[in-house]
Protein backbone atom coordinates (compact mmCIF):
# COMPACT_ATOMS: atom_id res chain seq x y z
CA UNK A 1 -5.69 2.81 -10.22
CA UNK A 2 -6.30 2.59 -13.95
CA UNK A 3 -5.42 -0.21 -16.27
CA UNK A 4 -2.27 -0.62 -18.25
CA UNK A 5 -1.48 1.47 -21.29
CA UNK A 6 -2.25 -0.72 -24.26
CA UNK A 7 0.52 0.60 -26.49
CA UNK A 8 2.25 -2.76 -26.06
CA UNK A 9 1.20 -6.17 -27.26
CA UNK A 10 -0.41 -8.63 -24.82
CA UNK A 11 1.89 -11.29 -23.45
CA UNK A 12 1.84 -14.79 -24.86
CA UNK A 13 0.32 -17.50 -22.67
CA UNK A 14 3.38 -18.73 -20.79
CA UNK A 15 4.39 -19.70 -17.29
CA UNK A 16 5.23 -16.51 -15.34
CA UNK A 17 8.81 -16.23 -14.16
CA UNK A 18 9.12 -15.55 -10.39
CA UNK A 19 10.32 -12.12 -9.39
CA UNK A 20 13.64 -11.86 -7.58
CA UNK A 21 14.30 -9.68 -4.54
CA UNK A 22 16.49 -7.44 -6.69
CA UNK A 23 13.73 -7.06 -9.27
CA UNK A 24 11.23 -6.19 -6.55
CA UNK A 25 13.53 -3.45 -5.25
CA UNK A 26 13.91 -1.98 -8.75
CA UNK A 27 10.16 -2.36 -9.34
CA UNK A 28 9.33 -0.45 -6.12
CA UNK A 29 11.73 2.34 -7.03
CA UNK A 30 10.25 2.52 -10.55
CA UNK A 31 6.74 2.86 -9.11
CA UNK A 32 7.91 5.92 -7.21
CA UNK A 33 9.82 7.33 -10.19
CA UNK A 34 6.89 6.82 -12.56
CA UNK A 35 3.68 7.56 -10.60
CA UNK A 36 0.19 6.67 -11.79
CA UNK A 37 -0.41 9.80 -13.83
CA UNK A 38 2.61 9.19 -16.13
CA UNK A 39 1.47 8.16 -19.63
CA UNK A 40 2.77 4.72 -20.67
CA UNK A 41 3.82 4.11 -17.07
CA UNK A 42 4.26 0.35 -17.52
CA UNK A 43 6.58 0.83 -20.50
CA UNK A 44 8.84 3.00 -18.33
CA UNK A 45 8.63 0.65 -15.35
CA UNK A 46 9.47 -2.38 -17.54
CA UNK A 47 12.39 -0.48 -19.09
CA UNK A 48 13.97 -0.47 -15.61
CA UNK A 49 13.62 -4.26 -15.42
CA UNK A 50 15.69 -6.10 -18.06
CA UNK A 51 13.81 -9.13 -19.34
CA UNK A 52 10.43 -7.95 -18.04
CA UNK A 53 7.58 -6.76 -20.24
CA UNK A 54 5.14 -3.94 -19.49
CA UNK A 55 2.44 -6.62 -19.18
CA UNK A 56 4.50 -8.45 -16.51
CA UNK A 57 5.10 -5.18 -14.65
CA UNK A 58 1.38 -4.35 -14.69
CA UNK A 59 0.40 -7.87 -13.56
CA UNK A 60 2.99 -7.72 -10.76
CA UNK A 61 1.51 -4.40 -9.67
CA UNK A 62 -2.02 -5.85 -9.70
CA UNK A 63 -0.84 -8.77 -7.54
CA UNK A 64 0.80 -6.29 -5.14
CA UNK A 65 -2.42 -4.26 -4.89
CA UNK A 66 -4.40 -7.46 -4.21
CA UNK A 67 -1.91 -8.52 -1.50
CA UNK A 68 -2.12 -5.12 0.20
CA UNK A 69 -5.92 -5.33 0.14
CA UNK A 70 -5.83 -8.74 1.86
CA UNK A 71 -3.39 -7.45 4.49
CA UNK A 72 -5.47 -4.33 5.17
CA UNK A 73 -8.63 -6.42 5.53
CA UNK A 74 -6.82 -8.63 8.06
CA UNK A 75 -7.17 -11.79 5.98
CA UNK A 76 -3.43 -12.41 5.88
CA UNK A 77 -0.61 -11.25 8.11
CA UNK A 78 1.80 -8.66 6.78
CA UNK A 79 5.08 -10.34 5.87
CA UNK A 80 8.31 -9.50 7.63
CA UNK A 81 10.73 -7.53 5.53
CA UNK A 82 12.65 -9.93 3.31
CA UNK A 83 15.35 -7.38 2.65
CA UNK A 84 18.48 -8.44 4.51
CA UNK A 85 19.68 -4.83 4.42
CA UNK A 86 16.65 -3.78 6.47
CA UNK A 87 17.73 -6.05 9.32
CA UNK A 88 20.92 -4.05 9.78
CA UNK A 89 24.38 -5.50 9.92
CA UNK A 90 24.44 -5.66 13.70
CA UNK A 91 22.94 -9.12 13.72
CA UNK A 92 19.73 -7.96 15.41
CA UNK A 93 16.51 -9.81 14.72
CA UNK A 94 14.80 -7.53 12.23
CA UNK A 95 15.59 -4.28 13.97
CA UNK A 96 16.65 -1.87 11.26
CA UNK A 97 19.87 0.09 11.24
CA UNK A 98 18.85 3.72 11.00
CA UNK A 99 21.10 6.52 12.10
CA UNK A 100 23.01 6.04 15.32
CA UNK A 101 21.59 9.27 16.75
CA UNK A 102 18.09 7.82 17.13
CA UNK A 103 17.20 6.48 20.56
CA UNK A 104 15.29 3.23 20.88
CA UNK A 105 11.64 3.99 21.55
CA UNK A 106 10.39 2.64 24.84
CA UNK A 107 7.01 0.97 24.98
CA UNK A 108 4.02 2.41 26.77
CA UNK A 109 3.26 0.37 29.91
CA UNK A 110 0.12 -1.76 29.82
CA UNK A 111 -2.82 -0.47 31.83
CA UNK A 112 -4.71 -2.75 34.21
CA UNK A 113 -7.67 -2.59 31.81
CA UNK A 114 -5.51 -3.75 28.88
CA UNK A 115 -4.12 -6.58 31.02
CA UNK A 116 -7.66 -7.60 32.03
CA UNK A 117 -8.68 -7.64 28.34
CA UNK A 118 -5.52 -9.66 27.58
CA UNK A 119 -6.51 -12.27 30.20
CA UNK A 120 -10.04 -12.48 28.79
CA UNK A 121 -8.62 -12.90 25.28
CA UNK A 122 -6.20 -15.53 26.53
CA UNK A 123 -9.12 -17.44 28.03
CA UNK A 124 -11.21 -17.10 24.86
CA UNK A 125 -8.58 -17.67 22.11
CA UNK A 126 -5.91 -19.63 23.95
CA UNK A 127 -2.19 -19.35 24.35
CA UNK A 128 -0.42 -18.45 21.11
CA UNK A 129 -3.30 -16.81 19.27
CA UNK A 130 -1.88 -13.32 19.75
CA UNK A 131 -3.37 -12.09 16.51
CA UNK A 132 -6.96 -12.71 17.57
CA UNK A 133 -6.30 -11.49 21.11
CA UNK A 134 -4.97 -8.27 19.59
CA UNK A 135 -7.75 -7.95 17.04
CA UNK A 136 -10.73 -8.77 19.25
CA UNK A 137 -9.68 -8.28 22.88
CA UNK A 138 -6.81 -5.80 23.34
CA UNK A 139 -7.48 -3.61 20.31
CA UNK A 140 -4.96 -1.01 21.47
CA UNK A 141 -2.01 -3.42 21.04
CA UNK A 142 -0.41 -5.19 18.07
CA UNK A 143 -0.03 -8.98 17.93
CA UNK A 144 3.70 -8.55 18.59
CA UNK A 145 2.99 -6.44 21.68
CA UNK A 146 0.46 -9.01 22.92
CA UNK A 147 2.98 -11.83 22.41
CA UNK A 148 5.65 -9.90 24.31
CA UNK A 149 3.23 -9.16 27.14
CA UNK A 150 2.22 -12.82 27.25
CA UNK A 151 5.84 -13.94 27.44
CA UNK A 152 6.46 -11.67 30.43
CA UNK A 153 3.18 -12.75 32.00
CA UNK A 154 3.94 -16.48 31.74
CA UNK A 155 7.49 -16.03 33.05
CA UNK A 156 6.11 -14.09 36.02
CA UNK A 157 3.47 -16.76 36.68
CA UNK A 158 6.01 -19.58 36.45
CA UNK A 159 8.28 -17.93 38.99
CA UNK A 160 5.45 -16.90 41.34
CA UNK A 161 5.42 -20.18 43.27
CA UNK A 162 9.13 -20.18 43.97
CA UNK A 163 9.61 -16.53 44.92
CA UNK A 164 6.97 -16.00 47.60
CA UNK A 165 6.24 -12.29 48.08
CA UNK A 166 9.81 -11.04 47.85
CA UNK A 167 9.51 -9.26 44.50
CA UNK A 168 7.74 -5.99 43.88
CA UNK A 169 4.21 -6.10 42.56
CA UNK A 170 3.65 -6.21 38.82
CA UNK A 171 0.71 -6.02 36.47
CA UNK A 172 1.66 -9.58 35.53
CA UNK A 173 0.59 -10.71 39.00
CA UNK A 174 -3.04 -10.00 38.14
CA UNK A 175 -4.89 -13.15 37.08
CA UNK A 176 -8.47 -14.08 36.32
CA UNK A 177 -10.06 -15.19 39.60
């Protein structure tokens, strides 16, 4: 990753100013425009950010690298996008805009084996711990997919007593005996 170019003076000991969403967007674009091999990269990156020094840009980058490392090691959950534009203007909950010609991707149905692993994980980690169920029990599914499956499962179980055997069979009917 390489350290910063030291053609600029070190910053004075002062309280760091928080980065705004707009600054982060410009920062991300600057990282793409000025890749790692560019000499004096942090001078160029900081030049895109009025009021920011090359030292601040480099430190922000180091913090970003550290955050990504924690996410990849599973020590913290990846944040949702904080960019309102990414949520689309249709009022959906975090589902991006994209071009209108793209069809919504349908999920792959859960196998009986995945459902069995889900039930074992549910028993071991408890209701609501979708992250651990995903990580340690149903390794083929994300925490979001596990939570969605659980929601359908609990709805199906709650309505089982009142419906009798009138509905068609579902994987959600399978329980731990």
